[in-house]
Amino acid sequence: MSKISTYTTVAPTASDKLIGTDVAGTVTDATKNFTAGSVAALAKKAGVLSLPAHADNATASGAGLAAGDLYQTDGTGAAPLNAAGIVMVVQ
């Protein structure tokens, strides 16, 4: 097997496979294949790729986000949160 630095870099497709570790499986820390599409879907489900927009922490919490969840500002909050797109963590 070649050194990883010798492989070409390409744009991934949803069907490309990634190697990972299944930490919750019946065989502890089993090596598994995951598709790039399944990883993207998981990130979207977890709110990483498509963040909800809220004015501030209070609004995000009121909308049901829990501590540690990510959201982005919608630009309607008080300064300095009056700029849309600032990534925030619910406190």
N, C-alpha and C. Protein backbone atom coordinates (compact mmCIF):
# COMPACT_ATOMS: atom_id res chain seq x y z
N MET A 1 0.85 -1.18 0.00
CA MET A 1 0.00 0.00 0.00
C MET A 1 0.89 1.24 0.00
N SER A 2 0.54 2.21 -0.81
CA SER A 2 1.32 3.44 -0.94
C SER A 2 1.11 4.37 0.25
N LYS A 3 2.02 5.32 0.39
CA LYS A 3 1.86 6.35 1.39
C LYS A 3 0.65 7.20 1.01
N ILE A 4 -0.13 7.62 1.98
CA ILE A 4 -1.34 8.36 1.70
C ILE A 4 -1.05 9.68 0.97
N SER A 5 0.11 10.26 1.20
CA SER A 5 0.46 11.53 0.55
C SER A 5 0.65 11.37 -0.95
N THR A 6 0.78 10.14 -1.45
CA THR A 6 0.97 9.93 -2.89
C THR A 6 -0.34 9.81 -3.66
N TYR A 7 -1.46 9.68 -2.94
CA TYR A 7 -2.76 9.58 -3.60
C TYR A 7 -3.22 10.95 -4.06
N THR A 8 -3.95 11.00 -5.17
CA THR A 8 -4.46 12.28 -5.68
C THR A 8 -5.64 12.74 -4.83
N THR A 9 -5.86 14.02 -4.82
CA THR A 9 -7.00 14.60 -4.12
C THR A 9 -8.09 14.88 -5.13
N VAL A 10 -9.30 14.42 -4.85
CA VAL A 10 -10.43 14.61 -5.75
C VAL A 10 -11.62 15.14 -4.97
N ALA A 11 -12.61 15.67 -5.68
CA ALA A 11 -13.85 16.10 -5.05
C ALA A 11 -14.67 14.85 -4.72
N PRO A 12 -15.13 14.72 -3.49
CA PRO A 12 -15.88 13.52 -3.12
C PRO A 12 -17.27 13.49 -3.74
N THR A 13 -17.79 12.28 -3.91
CA THR A 13 -19.18 12.09 -4.31
C THR A 13 -19.90 11.41 -3.15
N ALA A 14 -21.21 11.44 -3.16
CA ALA A 14 -21.99 10.86 -2.06
C ALA A 14 -21.75 9.38 -1.90
N SER A 15 -21.36 8.68 -2.96
CA SER A 15 -21.16 7.23 -2.88
C SER A 15 -19.74 6.84 -2.50
N ASP A 16 -18.83 7.80 -2.41
CA ASP A 16 -17.46 7.49 -2.01
C ASP A 16 -17.46 6.95 -0.58
N LYS A 17 -16.52 6.06 -0.29
CA LYS A 17 -16.44 5.45 1.03
C LYS A 17 -15.34 6.08 1.87
N LEU A 18 -15.63 6.19 3.16
CA LEU A 18 -14.69 6.68 4.15
C LEU A 18 -14.50 5.58 5.19
N ILE A 19 -13.36 5.52 5.79
CA ILE A 19 -13.10 4.53 6.83
C ILE A 19 -13.30 5.20 8.19
N GLY A 20 -13.98 4.51 9.08
CA GLY A 20 -14.23 5.06 10.40
C GLY A 20 -14.32 3.96 11.44
N THR A 21 -14.61 4.36 12.67
CA THR A 21 -14.71 3.43 13.78
C THR A 21 -16.11 3.49 14.36
N ASP A 22 -16.74 2.33 14.50
CA ASP A 22 -18.06 2.22 15.11
C ASP A 22 -17.88 2.01 16.60
N VAL A 23 -17.97 3.09 17.38
CA VAL A 23 -17.70 2.99 18.82
C VAL A 23 -18.88 2.43 19.59
N ALA A 24 -20.07 2.39 18.98
CA ALA A 24 -21.25 1.90 19.68
C ALA A 24 -21.68 0.52 19.20
N GLY A 25 -20.89 -0.13 18.40
CA GLY A 25 -21.25 -1.43 17.85
C GLY A 25 -21.08 -2.56 18.85
N THR A 26 -21.57 -3.75 18.46
CA THR A 26 -21.46 -4.91 19.33
C THR A 26 -20.01 -5.39 19.42
N VAL A 27 -19.24 -5.14 18.37
CA VAL A 27 -17.80 -5.35 18.44
C VAL A 27 -17.19 -3.98 18.71
N THR A 28 -16.65 -3.78 19.89
CA THR A 28 -16.14 -2.46 20.29
C THR A 28 -15.08 -1.96 19.32
N ASP A 29 -15.24 -0.72 18.90
CA ASP A 29 -14.29 -0.02 18.03
C ASP A 29 -14.00 -0.75 16.72
N ALA A 30 -15.03 -1.35 16.14
CA ALA A 30 -14.86 -2.05 14.86
C ALA A 30 -14.65 -1.04 13.74
N THR A 31 -13.75 -1.35 12.83
CA THR A 31 -13.53 -0.50 11.66
C THR A 31 -14.65 -0.76 10.66
N LYS A 32 -15.24 0.31 10.14
CA LYS A 32 -16.36 0.21 9.21
C LYS A 32 -16.16 1.17 8.04
N ASN A 33 -16.92 0.95 6.98
CA ASN A 33 -16.99 1.89 5.85
C ASN A 33 -18.24 2.74 5.99
N PHE A 34 -18.12 4.02 5.69
CA PHE A 34 -19.25 4.93 5.66
C PHE A 34 -19.21 5.64 4.32
N THR A 35 -20.35 5.96 3.76
CA THR A 35 -20.34 6.75 2.53
C THR A 35 -20.25 8.23 2.88
N ALA A 36 -19.69 8.99 1.97
CA ALA A 36 -19.60 10.43 2.18
C ALA A 36 -21.01 11.02 2.34
N GLY A 37 -21.96 10.47 1.60
CA GLY A 37 -23.35 10.93 1.69
C GLY A 37 -23.96 10.69 3.05
N SER A 38 -23.65 9.53 3.67
CA SER A 38 -24.21 9.25 4.98
C SER A 38 -23.61 10.17 6.05
N VAL A 39 -22.34 10.51 5.89
CA VAL A 39 -21.70 11.43 6.84
C VAL A 39 -22.32 12.83 6.69
N ALA A 40 -22.55 13.26 5.45
CA ALA A 40 -23.18 14.56 5.21
C ALA A 40 -24.59 14.60 5.78
N ALA A 41 -25.35 13.51 5.61
CA ALA A 41 -26.71 13.44 6.15
C ALA A 41 -26.69 13.50 7.68
N LEU A 42 -25.73 12.83 8.29
CA LEU A 42 -25.61 12.87 9.74
C LEU A 42 -25.28 14.28 10.21
N ALA A 43 -24.38 14.95 9.52
CA ALA A 43 -24.01 16.32 9.90
C ALA A 43 -25.21 17.26 9.75
N LYS A 44 -26.00 17.06 8.70
CA LYS A 44 -27.19 17.90 8.50
C LYS A 44 -28.21 17.64 9.60
N LYS A 45 -28.40 16.38 9.94
CA LYS A 45 -29.33 16.01 11.01
C LYS A 45 -28.89 16.61 12.33
N ALA A 46 -27.59 16.65 12.57
CA ALA A 46 -27.04 17.19 13.81
C ALA A 46 -27.01 18.72 13.80
N GLY A 47 -27.43 19.34 12.69
CA GLY A 47 -27.49 20.79 12.63
C GLY A 47 -26.18 21.44 12.24
N VAL A 48 -25.27 20.70 11.66
CA VAL A 48 -23.98 21.26 11.32
C VAL A 48 -23.99 21.91 9.94
N LEU A 49 -24.64 21.28 8.97
CA LEU A 49 -24.63 21.81 7.61
C LEU A 49 -25.73 22.82 7.34
N SER A 50 -26.80 22.73 8.05
CA SER A 50 -27.93 23.63 7.85
C SER A 50 -28.37 24.17 9.21
N LEU A 51 -27.70 25.21 9.66
CA LEU A 51 -27.96 25.74 10.99
C LEU A 51 -29.22 26.58 11.01
N PRO A 52 -30.05 26.42 12.05
CA PRO A 52 -31.21 27.29 12.19
C PRO A 52 -30.73 28.70 12.52
N ALA A 53 -31.52 29.70 12.16
CA ALA A 53 -31.15 31.10 12.40
C ALA A 53 -32.05 31.69 13.49
N HIS A 54 -31.42 32.36 14.45
CA HIS A 54 -32.14 32.99 15.56
C HIS A 54 -31.46 34.31 15.90
N ALA A 55 -32.19 35.18 16.56
CA ALA A 55 -31.66 36.49 16.92
C ALA A 55 -30.54 36.39 17.95
N ASP A 56 -30.73 35.51 18.95
CA ASP A 56 -29.77 35.42 20.04
C ASP A 56 -29.97 34.11 20.81
N ASN A 57 -29.22 33.94 21.88
CA ASN A 57 -29.28 32.72 22.67
C ASN A 57 -30.68 32.48 23.25
N ALA A 58 -31.31 33.53 23.74
CA ALA A 58 -32.64 33.38 24.33
C ALA A 58 -33.65 32.91 23.30
N THR A 59 -33.59 33.47 22.11
CA THR A 59 -34.51 33.07 21.05
C THR A 59 -34.24 31.63 20.63
N ALA A 60 -32.98 31.27 20.51
CA ALA A 60 -32.62 29.90 20.13
C ALA A 60 -33.10 28.90 21.18
N SER A 61 -32.91 29.22 22.45
CA SER A 61 -33.36 28.35 23.53
C SER A 61 -34.88 28.24 23.53
N GLY A 62 -35.55 29.37 23.32
CA GLY A 62 -37.00 29.38 23.27
C GLY A 62 -37.57 28.57 22.11
N ALA A 63 -36.77 28.41 21.06
CA ALA A 63 -37.19 27.62 19.90
C ALA A 63 -36.93 26.13 20.10
N GLY A 64 -36.37 25.77 21.25
CA GLY A 64 -36.17 24.36 21.54
C GLY A 64 -34.75 23.85 21.41
N LEU A 65 -33.80 24.71 21.05
CA LEU A 65 -32.42 24.26 20.99
C LEU A 65 -31.89 24.06 22.41
N ALA A 66 -31.09 23.03 22.59
CA ALA A 66 -30.54 22.70 23.91
C ALA A 66 -29.12 23.23 24.03
N ALA A 67 -28.64 23.30 25.26
CA ALA A 67 -27.26 23.74 25.50
C ALA A 67 -26.30 22.88 24.67
N GLY A 68 -25.40 23.55 23.98
CA GLY A 68 -24.43 22.87 23.13
C GLY A 68 -24.83 22.80 21.67
N ASP A 69 -26.11 23.05 21.35
CA ASP A 69 -26.56 23.07 19.96
C ASP A 69 -26.01 24.30 19.25
N LEU A 70 -25.78 24.18 17.95
CA LEU A 70 -25.31 25.30 17.15
C LEU A 70 -26.47 25.99 16.45
N TYR A 71 -26.33 27.30 16.27
CA TYR A 71 -27.27 28.08 15.47
C TYR A 71 -26.50 29.23 14.86
N GLN A 72 -27.11 29.93 13.91
CA GLN A 72 -26.49 31.12 13.35
C GLN A 72 -27.38 32.32 13.63
N THR A 73 -26.76 33.48 13.76
CA THR A 73 -27.54 34.68 14.00
C THR A 73 -28.30 35.05 12.72
N ASP A 74 -29.47 35.63 12.92
CA ASP A 74 -30.29 36.03 11.77
C ASP A 74 -30.19 37.52 11.45
N GLY A 75 -29.41 38.25 12.24
CA GLY A 75 -29.20 39.67 11.98
C GLY A 75 -30.17 40.60 12.69
N THR A 76 -31.12 40.03 13.45
CA THR A 76 -32.11 40.87 14.13
C THR A 76 -31.79 41.10 15.60
N GLY A 77 -30.70 40.51 16.09
CA GLY A 77 -30.34 40.66 17.49
C GLY A 77 -29.67 41.99 17.77
N ALA A 78 -29.48 42.25 19.06
CA ALA A 78 -28.79 43.47 19.48
C ALA A 78 -27.30 43.31 19.18
N ALA A 79 -26.62 44.44 18.95
CA ALA A 79 -25.18 44.43 18.69
C ALA A 79 -24.47 43.70 19.81
N PRO A 80 -23.52 42.89 19.53
CA PRO A 80 -22.86 42.64 18.26
C PRO A 80 -23.50 41.52 17.43
N LEU A 81 -24.67 41.03 17.83
CA LEU A 81 -25.32 39.93 17.10
C LEU A 81 -26.26 40.43 16.00
N ASN A 82 -26.05 41.66 15.55
CA ASN A 82 -26.90 42.22 14.51
C ASN A 82 -26.37 41.95 13.11
N ALA A 83 -25.46 41.01 13.00
CA ALA A 83 -24.95 40.57 11.70
C ALA A 83 -25.40 39.13 11.49
N ALA A 84 -25.99 38.85 10.35
CA ALA A 84 -26.46 37.50 10.05
C ALA A 84 -25.28 36.56 9.78
N GLY A 85 -25.42 35.31 10.22
CA GLY A 85 -24.45 34.28 9.88
C GLY A 85 -23.35 34.01 10.88
N ILE A 86 -23.41 34.65 12.05
CA ILE A 86 -22.42 34.37 13.09
C ILE A 86 -22.81 33.02 13.73
N VAL A 87 -21.90 32.05 13.72
CA VAL A 87 -22.20 30.74 14.31
C VAL A 87 -22.05 30.84 15.83
N MET A 88 -23.10 30.40 16.51
CA MET A 88 -23.15 30.51 17.98
C MET A 88 -23.44 29.14 18.59
N VAL A 89 -23.11 28.98 19.85
CA VAL A 89 -23.41 27.77 20.61
C VAL A 89 -24.39 28.16 21.72
N VAL A 90 -25.51 27.42 21.82
CA VAL A 90 -26.47 27.71 22.87
C VAL A 90 -25.81 27.46 24.22
N GLN A 91 -25.93 28.43 25.11
CA GLN A 91 -25.35 28.34 26.46
C GLN A 91 -26.39 27.90 27.46
